[in-house]
């Protein structure tokens, strides 16, 4: 990174976030805010802390292990999600916690929570309590089914994938639904949460007051599923599940090679012609079943069989080379480990290395960066991580609330922090 880039500020510098979240969806939202420059204060229960602290695998003096062996082993989930965050502790179930929460909110611009609907209000740390302490505060609730008390129970990513219909869209006809390997609901909803927070900040510039933002994991993922009109496809007799391909765009999808798989797109006539040339079957250009786009869609099953019959005889590298030579969009289907070290994404800090603060590792531990580049700003995380629960209590409470060392010691003895 150049000197100029190093000297640039991050877009959200000067803003402070009180982070009440845990697990993945909420912490990913505040991770994005931290990477954009906000000061994030991660609040954890004094006993146990964030659930992600106990996610296997761990990294420490013995390298990467499945089971925690030493007290200073750190969950890679926590190492990833708590980057750039200052850690404090507060027992929200303690009667005194409401007062401490209010004192913290007075010094914050944004509060983010992802409790089950209604829990924050029952604990006395909901939007009404935050607004009473700071009318300018922007308070974001990120829950499974919305903060309006909708029925639904506990929301886990796999539950939301199932309820949204997303799980059913993957897989072939007659086969079981397919759980997406990336926790899409947990990752998508926080992106909408950040969009809502940024929009509310802009409105606050005009009005001077904050507001409550309510994002539903189910709503976020279902809105993505709804981009396709499933009823219309059913009425037209198009299958909703086609497995590795999308037959209404045929040829479009994943095809098998001798040693792996490739993805290709040859939707339009020009691309289809390039595909047929790469296959050495230019006569298909005149074949009535494949000569037009509509004909290829109508005969997608036979066309896909012909493509697989060709590609299965060749290694991935040869299939990719043949298609690229004809200008057909194609890519090998890569393992995530290979994808994360693509020079293009590493150069843009879209993936980043992480490491235990005290021990080195021979393994390239690589995780998510901030996939946004600015011409007049930079992104990145402050060099801070709450290794221990409440690691930054003294500093943060002193700065935000003015509590003295004696007051903090008293709160600790009472079990408040």
Protein backbone atom coordinates (compact mmCIF):
# COMPACT_ATOMS: atom_id res chain seq x y z
CA UNK A 1 0.00 0.00 0.00
CA UNK A 2 1.34 3.41 -0.90
CA UNK A 3 2.10 6.21 1.57
CA UNK A 4 -0.88 8.14 0.23
CA UNK A 5 -3.20 5.20 0.85
CA UNK A 6 -1.81 4.75 4.38
CA UNK A 7 -2.48 8.41 5.18
CA UNK A 8 -6.08 8.29 3.95
CA UNK A 9 -8.84 8.11 6.51
CA UNK A 10 -11.45 5.40 6.51
CA UNK A 11 -15.00 6.51 5.65
CA UNK A 12 -16.58 5.93 9.08
CA UNK A 13 -13.78 7.25 11.30
CA UNK A 14 -15.17 9.33 14.16
CA UNK A 15 -18.24 7.14 14.59
CA UNK A 16 -18.59 4.83 17.59
CA UNK A 17 -20.59 1.59 17.64
CA UNK A 18 -21.81 -0.27 20.72
CA UNK A 19 -21.90 -3.90 19.63
CA UNK A 20 -24.27 -6.15 21.61
CA UNK A 21 -24.16 -8.91 19.00
CA UNK A 22 -22.97 -12.49 19.12
CA UNK A 23 -22.52 -15.57 16.91
CA UNK A 24 -22.19 -14.57 13.20
CA UNK A 25 -24.89 -12.36 11.67
CA UNK A 26 -24.56 -9.46 14.11
CA UNK A 27 -20.79 -9.65 14.52
CA UNK A 28 -20.37 -9.62 10.73
CA UNK A 29 -22.38 -6.38 10.54
CA UNK A 30 -20.16 -4.72 13.14
CA UNK A 31 -17.05 -6.21 11.50
CA UNK A 32 -17.99 -4.37 8.31
CA UNK A 33 -18.44 -1.15 10.28
CA UNK A 34 -15.05 -1.67 11.94
CA UNK A 35 -13.36 -2.27 8.60
CA UNK A 36 -14.90 0.96 7.31
CA UNK A 37 -13.33 2.85 10.18
CA UNK A 38 -15.88 3.00 13.00
CA UNK A 39 -14.71 2.41 16.56
CA UNK A 40 -16.55 -0.76 17.60
CA UNK A 41 -17.04 -1.54 21.28
CA UNK A 42 -17.85 -5.25 21.56
CA UNK A 43 -19.90 -5.98 24.67
CA UNK A 44 -19.84 -9.53 26.05
CA UNK A 45 -21.26 -11.29 29.09
CA UNK A 46 -18.54 -11.58 31.77
CA UNK A 47 -19.10 -15.35 31.94
CA UNK A 48 -18.60 -17.18 28.66
CA UNK A 49 -18.65 -14.21 26.32
CA UNK A 50 -19.56 -14.50 22.66
CA UNK A 51 -20.72 -17.93 21.51
CA UNK A 52 -18.12 -17.82 18.74
CA UNK A 53 -15.33 -18.13 21.31
CA UNK A 54 -16.16 -21.84 21.55
CA UNK A 55 -16.32 -22.57 17.82
CA UNK A 56 -13.84 -25.18 16.61
CA UNK A 57 -11.17 -25.09 15.18
CA UNK A 58 -8.77 -23.16 17.42
CA UNK A 59 -5.30 -21.75 16.86
CA UNK A 60 -2.54 -21.44 19.44
CA UNK A 61 0.87 -22.72 20.47
CA UNK A 62 0.14 -26.16 18.91
CA UNK A 63 -1.05 -24.68 15.63
CA UNK A 64 -4.58 -25.33 14.41
CA UNK A 65 -6.47 -27.91 16.51
CA UNK A 66 -10.02 -29.26 16.67
CA UNK A 67 -10.26 -29.24 20.48
CA UNK A 68 -9.02 -26.43 22.73
CA UNK A 69 -5.82 -27.60 24.44
CA UNK A 70 -4.60 -24.47 26.21
CA UNK A 71 -6.27 -21.53 27.88
CA UNK A 72 -4.81 -19.13 25.31
CA UNK A 73 -6.03 -21.07 22.27
CA UNK A 74 -8.36 -18.80 20.28
CA UNK A 75 -11.28 -19.88 18.14
CA UNK A 76 -10.60 -18.92 14.54
CA UNK A 77 -14.24 -17.76 14.39
CA UNK A 78 -13.56 -15.28 17.21
CA UNK A 79 -10.21 -14.29 15.70
CA UNK A 80 -12.02 -13.50 12.45
CA UNK A 81 -15.15 -11.78 13.74
CA UNK A 82 -13.66 -9.76 16.62
CA UNK A 83 -10.93 -8.11 14.55
CA UNK A 84 -10.63 -4.39 15.08
CA UNK A 85 -13.05 -4.38 18.04
CA UNK A 86 -12.50 -3.18 21.60
CA UNK A 87 -13.87 -5.69 24.09
CA UNK A 88 -15.78 -4.86 27.27
CA UNK A 89 -17.92 -6.95 29.59
CA UNK A 90 -21.37 -6.26 31.02
CA UNK A 91 -23.88 -8.64 32.58
CA UNK A 92 -27.08 -7.40 30.97
CA UNK A 93 -29.18 -9.45 33.42
CA UNK A 94 -27.82 -7.56 36.43
CA UNK A 95 -30.15 -4.82 37.75
CA UNK A 96 -27.36 -2.22 37.51
CA UNK A 97 -26.65 -3.01 33.86
CA UNK A 98 -29.38 -0.67 32.59
CA UNK A 99 -27.62 2.33 34.07
CA UNK A 100 -24.25 1.27 32.70
CA UNK A 101 -25.79 0.65 29.28
CA UNK A 102 -27.32 4.13 29.24
CA UNK A 103 -23.98 5.68 30.16
CA UNK A 104 -22.31 3.80 27.30
CA UNK A 105 -24.97 4.78 24.75
CA UNK A 106 -24.49 8.46 25.54
CA UNK A 107 -21.06 8.22 23.95
CA UNK A 108 -22.05 6.14 20.92
CA UNK A 109 -23.54 6.88 17.51
CA UNK A 110 -24.78 3.38 16.72
CA UNK A 111 -26.02 0.35 18.66
CA UNK A 112 -26.33 -3.06 17.01
CA UNK A 113 -28.01 -6.10 18.58
CA UNK A 114 -29.10 -9.50 17.29
CA UNK A 115 -31.04 -10.95 20.20
CA UNK A 116 -34.24 -12.90 19.62
CA UNK A 117 -37.13 -10.50 19.07
CA UNK A 118 -38.15 -8.77 22.32
CA UNK A 119 -35.09 -9.85 24.34
CA UNK A 120 -33.31 -6.47 24.24
CA UNK A 121 -36.43 -4.72 25.56
CA UNK A 122 -36.85 -7.27 28.35
CA UNK A 123 -33.24 -6.68 29.37
CA UNK A 124 -33.76 -2.92 29.35
CA UNK A 125 -31.31 -2.31 26.50
CA UNK A 126 -33.77 -1.96 23.61
CA UNK A 127 -34.31 1.04 21.37
CA UNK A 128 -36.50 2.94 23.83
CA UNK A 129 -33.80 2.76 26.51
CA UNK A 130 -31.09 3.75 24.04
CA UNK A 131 -33.14 6.62 22.63
CA UNK A 132 -33.85 7.94 26.14
CA UNK A 133 -30.11 8.08 26.79
CA UNK A 134 -29.19 9.47 23.38
CA UNK A 135 -31.88 10.73 20.95
CA UNK A 136 -29.31 10.79 18.13
CA UNK A 137 -28.49 7.11 18.43
CA UNK A 138 -29.07 4.82 15.46
CA UNK A 139 -30.19 1.47 16.83
CA UNK A 140 -30.14 -1.61 14.58
CA UNK A 141 -31.95 -4.82 15.46
CA UNK A 142 -30.93 -7.83 13.39
CA UNK A 143 -33.12 -10.85 14.11
CA UNK A 144 -34.42 -13.96 12.46
CA UNK A 145 -37.97 -12.81 11.83
CA UNK A 146 -38.02 -9.10 12.61
CA UNK A 147 -38.13 -7.06 15.79
CA UNK A 148 -41.92 -6.69 15.72
CA UNK A 149 -42.55 -9.84 17.70
CA UNK A 150 -43.25 -12.14 14.75
CA UNK A 151 -43.48 -15.82 15.63
CA UNK A 152 -40.61 -18.01 14.62
CA UNK A 153 -38.39 -19.01 17.56
CA UNK A 154 -34.62 -19.33 17.31
CA UNK A 155 -33.18 -18.34 13.96
CA UNK A 156 -30.15 -20.25 12.75
CA UNK A 157 -28.77 -19.97 9.23
CA UNK A 158 -29.95 -23.45 8.21
CA UNK A 159 -33.46 -22.67 9.51
CA UNK A 160 -33.63 -19.47 7.47
CA UNK A 161 -32.29 -21.22 4.37
CA UNK A 162 -35.10 -23.75 4.73
CA UNK A 163 -37.90 -21.25 5.39
CA UNK A 164 -36.83 -18.80 2.65
CA UNK A 165 -37.02 -21.39 -0.10
CA UNK A 166 -33.34 -20.87 -0.88
CA UNK A 167 -32.48 -24.43 0.11
CA UNK A 168 -35.05 -25.82 -2.30
CA UNK A 169 -33.75 -23.80 -5.25
CA UNK A 170 -30.51 -25.81 -5.21
CA UNK A 171 -30.27 -29.43 -6.25
CA UNK A 172 -31.71 -31.54 -9.03
CA UNK A 173 -35.34 -32.64 -9.47
CA UNK A 174 -36.24 -35.56 -7.24
CA UNK A 175 -33.20 -35.05 -5.02
CA UNK A 176 -33.12 -33.66 -1.46
CA UNK A 177 -32.85 -29.90 -0.85
CA UNK A 178 -29.28 -28.61 -0.73
CA UNK A 179 -27.97 -26.49 2.13
CA UNK A 180 -25.75 -23.76 0.74
CA UNK A 181 -22.22 -24.29 2.03
CA UNK A 182 -21.76 -20.59 2.82
CA UNK A 183 -24.09 -19.35 5.63
CA UNK A 184 -25.97 -17.07 3.28
CA UNK A 185 -28.65 -15.86 5.71
CA UNK A 186 -26.06 -15.07 8.36
CA UNK A 187 -23.97 -13.13 5.84
CA UNK A 188 -26.65 -11.43 3.76
CA UNK A 189 -28.81 -9.93 6.51
CA UNK A 190 -25.91 -7.99 8.09
CA UNK A 191 -25.10 -6.41 4.73
CA UNK A 192 -28.66 -5.04 4.67
CA UNK A 193 -28.20 -3.95 8.29
CA UNK A 194 -25.13 -1.91 7.34
CA UNK A 195 -26.99 -0.39 4.38
CA UNK A 196 -29.78 0.61 6.78
CA UNK A 197 -27.32 2.10 9.27
CA UNK A 198 -25.59 4.16 6.61
CA UNK A 199 -28.93 5.39 5.27
CA UNK A 200 -30.02 6.36 8.79
CA UNK A 201 -26.75 8.23 9.31
CA UNK A 202 -27.44 10.25 6.17
CA UNK A 203 -30.96 11.03 7.38
CA UNK A 204 -29.58 12.04 10.78
CA UNK A 205 -27.39 14.60 9.02
CA UNK A 206 -30.61 16.29 7.91
CA UNK A 207 -32.82 15.76 10.97
CA UNK A 208 -30.41 15.57 13.89
CA UNK A 209 -32.20 12.53 15.35
CA UNK A 210 -31.60 8.81 15.17
CA UNK A 211 -34.00 5.94 14.60
CA UNK A 212 -34.58 2.21 14.92
CA UNK A 213 -33.56 -0.09 12.04
CA UNK A 214 -35.19 -3.52 11.90
CA UNK A 215 -33.67 -6.21 9.62
CA UNK A 216 -35.03 -9.74 9.34
CA UNK A 217 -32.79 -12.62 8.25
CA UNK A 218 -35.80 -14.38 6.74
CA UNK A 219 -36.83 -11.26 4.87
CA UNK A 220 -33.32 -10.58 3.58
CA UNK A 221 -32.79 -14.05 2.14
CA UNK A 222 -36.36 -14.41 0.86
CA UNK A 223 -36.01 -11.10 -0.99
CA UNK A 224 -33.09 -12.64 -2.87
CA UNK A 225 -35.05 -15.80 -3.65
CA UNK A 226 -37.89 -13.60 -4.93
CA UNK A 227 -35.72 -12.09 -7.67
CA UNK A 228 -36.80 -15.11 -9.73
CA UNK A 229 -40.52 -15.41 -10.45
CA UNK A 230 -41.15 -18.99 -9.42
CA UNK A 231 -44.89 -18.90 -10.12
CA UNK A 232 -44.32 -17.70 -13.68
CA UNK A 233 -41.76 -20.43 -14.34
CA UNK A 234 -44.14 -23.05 -13.00
CA UNK A 235 -46.95 -21.73 -15.18
CA UNK A 236 -44.67 -21.95 -18.22
CA UNK A 237 -43.72 -25.51 -17.37
CA UNK A 238 -40.11 -24.65 -16.53
CA UNK A 239 -38.56 -26.73 -13.78
CA UNK A 240 -37.68 -24.80 -10.63
CA UNK A 241 -34.82 -27.17 -9.79
CA UNK A 242 -32.34 -28.15 -12.47
CA UNK A 243 -29.28 -29.11 -10.44
CA UNK A 244 -25.97 -28.03 -11.89
CA UNK A 245 -27.45 -26.02 -14.74
CA UNK A 246 -30.11 -23.40 -15.44
CA UNK A 247 -32.03 -24.88 -18.33
CA UNK A 248 -34.05 -21.77 -19.14
CA UNK A 249 -30.71 -20.15 -20.07
CA UNK A 250 -29.14 -23.24 -21.63
CA UNK A 251 -26.27 -23.76 -22.01
CA UNK A 252 -25.52 -22.26 -18.61
CA UNK A 253 -24.07 -23.97 -15.56
CA UNK A 254 -21.58 -26.53 -14.35
CA UNK A 255 -20.23 -29.35 -16.51
CA UNK A 256 -18.02 -32.31 -15.70
CA UNK A 257 -14.47 -32.79 -16.92
CA UNK A 258 -12.10 -35.73 -16.62
CA UNK A 259 -10.55 -34.31 -13.45
CA UNK A 260 -13.03 -31.75 -12.12
CA UNK A 261 -15.71 -29.30 -13.18
CA UNK A 262 -16.07 -26.08 -15.11
CA UNK A 263 -18.73 -23.39 -15.21
CA UNK A 264 -19.67 -21.94 -18.57
CA UNK A 265 -22.11 -19.42 -19.99
CA UNK A 266 -23.12 -19.64 -23.65
CA UNK A 267 -26.57 -18.11 -23.57
CA UNK A 268 -26.51 -15.99 -26.72
CA UNK A 269 -26.06 -17.16 -30.30
CA UNK A 270 -22.50 -15.84 -30.57
CA UNK A 271 -21.44 -17.62 -27.39
CA UNK A 272 -23.21 -20.83 -28.37
CA UNK A 273 -21.39 -20.77 -31.69
CA UNK A 274 -18.08 -20.41 -29.83
CA UNK A 275 -18.99 -23.37 -27.62
CA UNK A 276 -19.82 -25.57 -30.60
CA UNK A 277 -16.52 -24.64 -32.29
CA UNK A 278 -14.60 -25.45 -29.11
CA UNK A 279 -16.35 -28.82 -29.01
CA UNK A 280 -15.43 -29.48 -32.65
CA UNK A 281 -19.12 -29.81 -33.46
CA UNK A 282 -19.81 -26.78 -35.64
CA UNK A 283 -22.64 -28.68 -37.34
CA UNK A 284 -24.75 -27.99 -34.25
CA UNK A 285 -25.00 -24.39 -35.45
CA UNK A 286 -27.38 -25.62 -38.16
CA UNK A 287 -29.13 -28.28 -36.10
CA UNK A 288 -32.82 -27.34 -35.68
CA UNK A 289 -32.72 -28.29 -31.99
CA UNK A 290 -29.78 -25.97 -31.21
CA UNK A 291 -29.69 -23.27 -33.91
CA UNK A 292 -31.61 -20.62 -31.89
CA UNK A 293 -31.70 -19.60 -28.26
CA UNK A 294 -35.29 -20.76 -27.76
CA UNK A 295 -34.50 -24.08 -29.43
CA UNK A 296 -31.52 -24.62 -27.13
CA UNK A 297 -33.70 -23.93 -24.08
CA UNK A 298 -36.43 -26.27 -25.35
CA UNK A 299 -33.85 -29.02 -25.86
CA UNK A 300 -31.63 -28.23 -22.89
CA UNK A 301 -31.43 -31.79 -21.57
CA UNK A 302 -30.04 -33.18 -24.83
CA UNK A 303 -27.71 -30.20 -25.32
CA UNK A 304 -26.28 -30.58 -21.82
CA UNK A 305 -25.70 -34.28 -22.43
CA UNK A 306 -23.72 -33.43 -25.58
CA UNK A 307 -21.60 -30.86 -23.71
CA UNK A 308 -20.86 -33.30 -20.88
CA UNK A 309 -20.04 -36.01 -23.42
CA UNK A 310 -17.31 -33.71 -24.79
CA UNK A 311 -16.00 -32.20 -21.54
CA UNK A 312 -15.79 -35.49 -19.64
CA UNK A 313 -13.10 -36.69 -22.04
CA UNK A 314 -10.74 -33.79 -21.27
CA UNK A 315 -9.01 -32.31 -18.23
CA UNK A 316 -10.26 -29.00 -16.86
CA UNK A 317 -7.27 -27.05 -18.17
CA UNK A 318 -7.90 -28.18 -21.75
CA UNK A 319 -11.63 -27.46 -21.63
CA UNK A 320 -11.01 -23.99 -20.21
CA UNK A 321 -8.36 -23.26 -22.85
CA UNK A 322 -10.60 -24.40 -25.71
CA UNK A 323 -13.54 -22.29 -24.55
CA UNK A 324 -11.43 -19.21 -23.77
CA UNK A 325 -9.96 -19.40 -27.28
CA UNK A 326 -13.49 -19.01 -28.63
CA UNK A 327 -14.41 -16.16 -26.27
CA UNK A 328 -16.84 -18.28 -24.20
CA UNK A 329 -17.08 -17.24 -20.52
CA UNK A 330 -15.67 -20.18 -18.55
CA UNK A 331 -13.96 -20.89 -15.24
CA UNK A 332 -12.73 -23.92 -13.33
CA UNK A 333 -14.77 -24.76 -10.24
CA UNK A 334 -12.20 -24.12 -7.51
CA UNK A 335 -11.86 -25.25 -3.93
CA UNK A 336 -12.35 -22.37 -1.47
CA UNK A 337 -8.70 -22.62 -0.35
CA UNK A 338 -7.62 -21.88 -3.91
CA UNK A 339 -10.18 -19.11 -4.36
CA UNK A 340 -9.07 -17.24 -1.22
CA UNK A 341 -5.50 -16.89 -2.51
CA UNK A 342 -6.46 -15.61 -5.96
CA UNK A 343 -3.94 -12.79 -6.56
CA UNK A 344 -6.78 -10.53 -7.72
CA UNK A 345 -8.68 -10.70 -4.43
CA UNK A 346 -5.54 -10.59 -2.30
CA UNK A 347 -4.30 -7.48 -4.09
CA UNK A 348 -7.58 -5.72 -3.27
CA UNK A 349 -7.59 -6.94 0.39
CA UNK A 350 -10.85 -8.74 -0.27
CA UNK A 351 -9.33 -11.63 1.64
CA UNK A 352 -6.87 -11.01 4.46
CA UNK A 353 -4.52 -13.04 6.65
CA UNK A 354 -5.24 -13.46 10.35
CA UNK A 355 -2.94 -14.75 13.09
CA UNK A 356 -2.91 -15.54 16.78
CA UNK A 357 -1.51 -12.47 18.59
CA UNK A 358 1.18 -14.56 20.32
CA UNK A 359 1.88 -17.62 18.17
CA UNK A 360 2.83 -18.04 14.53
CA UNK A 361 1.31 -20.67 12.28
CA UNK A 362 2.59 -22.50 9.21
CA UNK A 363 -0.94 -22.44 7.79
CA UNK A 364 -2.14 -19.45 5.77
CA UNK A 365 -5.17 -18.48 7.85
CA UNK A 366 -7.09 -16.26 5.45
CA UNK A 367 -10.46 -14.66 6.00
CA UNK A 368 -12.81 -11.97 4.74
CA UNK A 369 -11.70 -8.42 4.11
CA UNK A 370 -13.77 -5.40 3.08
CA UNK A 371 -14.62 -5.90 -0.62
CA UNK A 372 -15.00 -2.18 -1.37
CA UNK A 373 -12.37 0.18 -2.77
CA UNK A 374 -12.64 3.96 -2.41
CA UNK A 375 -10.78 6.55 -4.45
CA UNK A 376 -10.47 8.94 -1.50
CA UNK A 377 -10.46 6.62 1.51
CA UNK A 378 -9.07 3.34 2.71
CA UNK A 379 -10.47 0.35 4.59
CA UNK A 380 -8.91 -1.87 7.24
CA UNK A 381 -9.08 -2.92 10.85
CA UNK A 382 -7.58 -1.32 13.94
CA UNK A 383 -4.84 -3.52 15.45
CA UNK A 384 -6.98 -4.53 18.41
CA UNK A 385 -8.68 -7.79 19.45
CA UNK A 386 -10.48 -8.75 22.67
CA UNK A 387 -8.54 -11.94 23.44
CA UNK A 388 -9.87 -12.06 27.00
CA UNK A 389 -13.46 -11.17 27.89
CA UNK A 390 -13.54 -7.54 29.02
CA UNK A 391 -9.97 -6.98 27.92
CA UNK A 392 -10.49 -3.27 27.29
CA UNK A 393 -12.81 -2.48 30.21
CA UNK A 394 -10.54 0.05 31.89
CA UNK A 395 -9.84 2.07 28.75
CA UNK A 396 -13.32 2.01 27.23
CA UNK A 397 -15.33 2.64 30.37
CA UNK A 398 -13.00 5.47 31.37
CA UNK A 399 -13.34 7.14 27.96
CA UNK A 400 -17.06 6.62 27.41
CA UNK A 401 -18.51 6.87 30.89
CA UNK A 402 -15.85 8.54 33.01
CA UNK A 403 -16.02 5.73 35.58
CA UNK A 404 -13.07 5.75 37.95
CA UNK A 405 -10.93 2.72 38.72
CA UNK A 406 -12.72 2.43 42.05
CA UNK A 407 -16.13 2.43 40.39
CA UNK A 408 -15.05 -0.21 37.91
CA UNK A 409 -13.69 -2.38 40.70
CA UNK A 410 -16.99 -2.04 42.56
CA UNK A 411 -18.98 -3.01 39.44
CA UNK A 412 -16.72 -6.01 38.98
CA UNK A 413 -17.21 -7.15 42.62
CA UNK A 414 -20.99 -6.89 42.16
CA UNK A 415 -20.87 -9.01 39.02
CA UNK A 416 -22.06 -6.16 36.78
CA UNK A 417 -18.98 -6.23 34.53
